[in-house]
Amino acid sequence: MAIRMPRIIKKSSSAGDIPKGHFAVYVGQKQKKRFVIPISFLNQPSFQNLLSQAEDEFGFNHPMGAITIPVPEDIFIGITSQFRI
């Protein structure tokens, strides 16, 4: 049985290149990296937990101009790689 990885696009370019049905988040604690992820992630309870952590840390004033998830990149990828989209 093959493991299917969700489509996560790591990008460093502008907001105009986000495909339809996706949105950008910044991930990391000190060094932040931008990821473009499917909107379907919003339905996942573990992703909602990450959003709650972001709200606890930043409120609704995100310093990067987009949602910033305050977890290490490898943890974010580990969590989101388990999602079925």
N, C-alpha and C. Protein backbone atom coordinates (compact mmCIF):
# COMPACT_ATOMS: atom_id res chain seq x y z
N MET A 1 0.84 -1.18 0.00
CA MET A 1 0.00 0.00 0.00
C MET A 1 0.89 1.24 0.00
N ALA A 2 0.66 2.14 -0.91
CA ALA A 2 1.45 3.35 -1.03
C ALA A 2 0.94 4.42 -0.09
N ILE A 3 1.84 5.27 0.35
CA ILE A 3 1.47 6.41 1.19
C ILE A 3 1.32 7.61 0.28
N ARG A 4 0.19 8.25 0.37
CA ARG A 4 -0.07 9.42 -0.47
C ARG A 4 0.21 10.69 0.31
N MET A 5 1.13 11.47 -0.19
CA MET A 5 1.47 12.74 0.44
C MET A 5 0.55 13.82 -0.10
N PRO A 6 0.01 14.68 0.77
CA PRO A 6 -0.82 15.77 0.29
C PRO A 6 0.03 16.78 -0.49
N ARG A 7 -0.63 17.55 -1.28
CA ARG A 7 0.07 18.53 -2.09
C ARG A 7 0.38 19.76 -1.24
N ILE A 8 1.61 19.84 -0.81
CA ILE A 8 2.10 21.02 -0.09
C ILE A 8 3.17 21.63 -0.97
N ILE A 9 3.03 22.89 -1.24
CA ILE A 9 3.98 23.56 -2.11
C ILE A 9 4.76 24.56 -1.27
N LYS A 10 6.05 24.33 -1.12
CA LYS A 10 6.88 25.30 -0.39
C LYS A 10 7.30 26.37 -1.38
N LYS A 11 6.97 27.62 -1.08
CA LYS A 11 7.26 28.70 -2.01
C LYS A 11 7.85 29.89 -1.27
N SER A 12 8.52 30.71 -2.01
CA SER A 12 8.99 31.96 -1.44
C SER A 12 8.59 33.13 -2.32
N SER A 13 7.67 32.90 -3.25
CA SER A 13 7.28 33.94 -4.18
C SER A 13 6.02 34.67 -3.73
N SER A 14 5.46 35.46 -4.59
CA SER A 14 4.39 36.39 -4.22
C SER A 14 3.03 35.72 -4.06
N ALA A 15 2.11 36.48 -3.50
CA ALA A 15 0.76 35.99 -3.22
C ALA A 15 -0.02 35.71 -4.49
N GLY A 16 0.35 36.30 -5.60
CA GLY A 16 -0.38 36.11 -6.84
C GLY A 16 -0.24 34.73 -7.45
N ASP A 17 0.64 33.89 -6.93
CA ASP A 17 0.86 32.58 -7.53
C ASP A 17 0.20 31.45 -6.74
N ILE A 18 -0.77 31.77 -5.89
CA ILE A 18 -1.45 30.73 -5.11
C ILE A 18 -2.54 30.12 -5.98
N PRO A 19 -2.49 28.80 -6.20
CA PRO A 19 -3.51 28.16 -7.03
C PRO A 19 -4.89 28.21 -6.38
N LYS A 20 -5.91 28.15 -7.18
CA LYS A 20 -7.28 28.13 -6.69
C LYS A 20 -7.44 26.94 -5.75
N GLY A 21 -8.13 27.17 -4.62
CA GLY A 21 -8.35 26.10 -3.65
C GLY A 21 -7.22 25.92 -2.66
N HIS A 22 -6.28 26.84 -2.63
CA HIS A 22 -5.13 26.79 -1.72
C HIS A 22 -5.00 28.12 -0.98
N PHE A 23 -4.18 28.13 0.07
CA PHE A 23 -3.86 29.37 0.77
C PHE A 23 -2.45 29.26 1.35
N ALA A 24 -1.89 30.39 1.69
CA ALA A 24 -0.51 30.42 2.19
C ALA A 24 -0.49 30.50 3.72
N VAL A 25 0.46 29.80 4.30
CA VAL A 25 0.75 29.90 5.73
C VAL A 25 2.26 30.00 5.89
N TYR A 26 2.68 30.62 6.97
CA TYR A 26 4.09 30.64 7.33
C TYR A 26 4.27 29.69 8.50
N VAL A 27 5.33 28.90 8.44
CA VAL A 27 5.56 27.87 9.44
C VAL A 27 6.97 28.04 10.00
N GLY A 28 7.07 27.92 11.32
CA GLY A 28 8.37 27.98 11.97
C GLY A 28 8.31 28.84 13.21
N GLN A 29 9.38 28.72 13.99
CA GLN A 29 9.44 29.52 15.20
C GLN A 29 10.35 30.73 15.01
N LYS A 30 11.57 30.53 14.59
CA LYS A 30 12.46 31.66 14.31
C LYS A 30 12.52 31.92 12.81
N GLN A 31 12.95 30.94 12.06
CA GLN A 31 13.03 31.03 10.60
C GLN A 31 11.69 30.56 10.04
N LYS A 32 10.93 31.45 9.42
CA LYS A 32 9.61 31.11 8.90
C LYS A 32 9.70 30.77 7.42
N LYS A 33 9.02 29.70 7.03
CA LYS A 33 8.95 29.31 5.62
C LYS A 33 7.50 29.36 5.18
N ARG A 34 7.31 29.76 3.93
CA ARG A 34 5.96 29.89 3.38
C ARG A 34 5.57 28.59 2.68
N PHE A 35 4.36 28.12 3.00
CA PHE A 35 3.80 26.94 2.37
C PHE A 35 2.46 27.31 1.77
N VAL A 36 2.17 26.76 0.62
CA VAL A 36 0.86 26.91 0.00
C VAL A 36 0.18 25.55 0.15
N ILE A 37 -0.96 25.54 0.84
CA ILE A 37 -1.61 24.28 1.19
C ILE A 37 -3.07 24.30 0.75
N PRO A 38 -3.66 23.11 0.59
CA PRO A 38 -5.06 23.03 0.17
C PRO A 38 -6.01 23.56 1.25
N ILE A 39 -7.07 24.21 0.83
CA ILE A 39 -8.09 24.70 1.75
C ILE A 39 -8.72 23.54 2.53
N SER A 40 -8.72 22.35 1.96
CA SER A 40 -9.32 21.19 2.63
C SER A 40 -8.65 20.89 3.97
N PHE A 41 -7.44 21.39 4.18
CA PHE A 41 -6.76 21.19 5.48
C PHE A 41 -7.56 21.82 6.61
N LEU A 42 -8.36 22.84 6.31
CA LEU A 42 -9.15 23.51 7.35
C LEU A 42 -10.15 22.59 8.02
N ASN A 43 -10.51 21.50 7.36
CA ASN A 43 -11.46 20.54 7.93
C ASN A 43 -10.80 19.54 8.88
N GLN A 44 -9.49 19.49 8.91
CA GLN A 44 -8.77 18.50 9.72
C GLN A 44 -8.64 18.97 11.17
N PRO A 45 -9.05 18.15 12.14
CA PRO A 45 -8.96 18.55 13.55
C PRO A 45 -7.54 18.90 13.99
N SER A 46 -6.54 18.18 13.51
CA SER A 46 -5.18 18.49 13.94
C SER A 46 -4.70 19.81 13.33
N PHE A 47 -5.19 20.17 12.14
CA PHE A 47 -4.84 21.47 11.57
C PHE A 47 -5.56 22.58 12.33
N GLN A 48 -6.79 22.32 12.74
CA GLN A 48 -7.52 23.30 13.55
C GLN A 48 -6.80 23.54 14.87
N ASN A 49 -6.17 22.50 15.41
CA ASN A 49 -5.38 22.65 16.62
C ASN A 49 -4.17 23.56 16.36
N LEU A 50 -3.52 23.39 15.20
CA LEU A 50 -2.41 24.28 14.84
C LEU A 50 -2.88 25.73 14.73
N LEU A 51 -4.08 25.93 14.17
CA LEU A 51 -4.63 27.28 14.06
C LEU A 51 -4.91 27.88 15.44
N SER A 52 -5.35 27.04 16.37
CA SER A 52 -5.58 27.51 17.74
C SER A 52 -4.27 27.95 18.39
N GLN A 53 -3.20 27.21 18.13
CA GLN A 53 -1.89 27.59 18.65
C GLN A 53 -1.46 28.93 18.06
N ALA A 54 -1.73 29.12 16.76
CA ALA A 54 -1.39 30.39 16.12
C ALA A 54 -2.19 31.53 16.73
N GLU A 55 -3.46 31.29 16.99
CA GLU A 55 -4.30 32.32 17.61
C GLU A 55 -3.81 32.66 19.01
N ASP A 56 -3.42 31.63 19.79
CA ASP A 56 -2.92 31.87 21.14
C ASP A 56 -1.64 32.71 21.12
N GLU A 57 -0.78 32.46 20.14
CA GLU A 57 0.49 33.18 20.10
C GLU A 57 0.39 34.55 19.46
N PHE A 58 -0.38 34.66 18.37
CA PHE A 58 -0.40 35.90 17.60
C PHE A 58 -1.73 36.64 17.61
N GLY A 59 -2.80 36.00 18.08
CA GLY A 59 -4.11 36.62 17.97
C GLY A 59 -4.48 36.73 16.50
N PHE A 60 -5.04 37.84 16.12
CA PHE A 60 -5.40 38.03 14.72
C PHE A 60 -4.46 39.02 14.03
N ASN A 61 -3.36 39.34 14.67
CA ASN A 61 -2.36 40.24 14.11
C ASN A 61 -1.15 39.41 13.71
N HIS A 62 -1.17 38.87 12.51
CA HIS A 62 -0.08 38.01 12.06
C HIS A 62 1.04 38.85 11.47
N PRO A 63 2.25 38.75 12.04
CA PRO A 63 3.35 39.62 11.63
C PRO A 63 3.81 39.41 10.19
N MET A 64 3.53 38.26 9.59
CA MET A 64 4.00 37.99 8.24
C MET A 64 2.95 38.36 7.18
N GLY A 65 1.77 38.83 7.60
CA GLY A 65 0.72 39.19 6.67
C GLY A 65 -0.15 38.01 6.27
N ALA A 66 0.14 36.84 6.78
CA ALA A 66 -0.66 35.64 6.53
C ALA A 66 -0.64 34.84 7.83
N ILE A 67 -1.36 33.76 7.87
CA ILE A 67 -1.38 32.94 9.07
C ILE A 67 0.02 32.39 9.32
N THR A 68 0.48 32.55 10.55
CA THR A 68 1.78 32.03 10.95
C THR A 68 1.56 30.91 11.96
N ILE A 69 2.05 29.72 11.65
CA ILE A 69 1.88 28.55 12.53
C ILE A 69 3.19 28.38 13.30
N PRO A 70 3.15 28.55 14.62
CA PRO A 70 4.38 28.58 15.42
C PRO A 70 4.89 27.20 15.84
N VAL A 71 5.10 26.31 14.87
CA VAL A 71 5.68 24.99 15.15
C VAL A 71 6.84 24.78 14.19
N PRO A 72 7.78 23.91 14.55
CA PRO A 72 8.88 23.62 13.62
C PRO A 72 8.37 23.03 12.31
N GLU A 73 9.09 23.31 11.24
CA GLU A 73 8.69 22.86 9.90
C GLU A 73 8.50 21.35 9.83
N ASP A 74 9.38 20.58 10.45
CA ASP A 74 9.27 19.11 10.37
C ASP A 74 8.00 18.60 11.06
N ILE A 75 7.59 19.25 12.14
CA ILE A 75 6.35 18.85 12.82
C ILE A 75 5.15 19.18 11.94
N PHE A 76 5.16 20.35 11.33
CA PHE A 76 4.06 20.74 10.43
C PHE A 76 3.94 19.75 9.28
N ILE A 77 5.04 19.41 8.66
CA ILE A 77 5.01 18.46 7.55
C ILE A 77 4.56 17.08 8.03
N GLY A 78 5.01 16.67 9.22
CA GLY A 78 4.58 15.38 9.77
C GLY A 78 3.09 15.33 9.99
N ILE A 79 2.52 16.39 10.54
CA ILE A 79 1.07 16.44 10.80
C ILE A 79 0.30 16.45 9.50
N THR A 80 0.67 17.34 8.58
CA THR A 80 -0.10 17.49 7.35
C THR A 80 0.09 16.32 6.40
N SER A 81 1.17 15.57 6.52
CA SER A 81 1.37 14.43 5.62
C SER A 81 0.39 13.29 5.94
N GLN A 82 -0.25 13.35 7.09
CA GLN A 82 -1.22 12.33 7.46
C GLN A 82 -2.63 12.63 6.94
N PHE A 83 -2.84 13.81 6.38
CA PHE A 83 -4.16 14.20 5.92
C PHE A 83 -4.49 13.51 4.60
N ARG A 84 -5.74 13.14 4.48
CA ARG A 84 -6.25 12.62 3.20
C ARG A 84 -7.05 13.73 2.57
N ILE A 85 -6.60 14.13 1.40
CA ILE A 85 -7.28 15.26 0.73
C ILE A 85 -7.99 14.80 -0.51
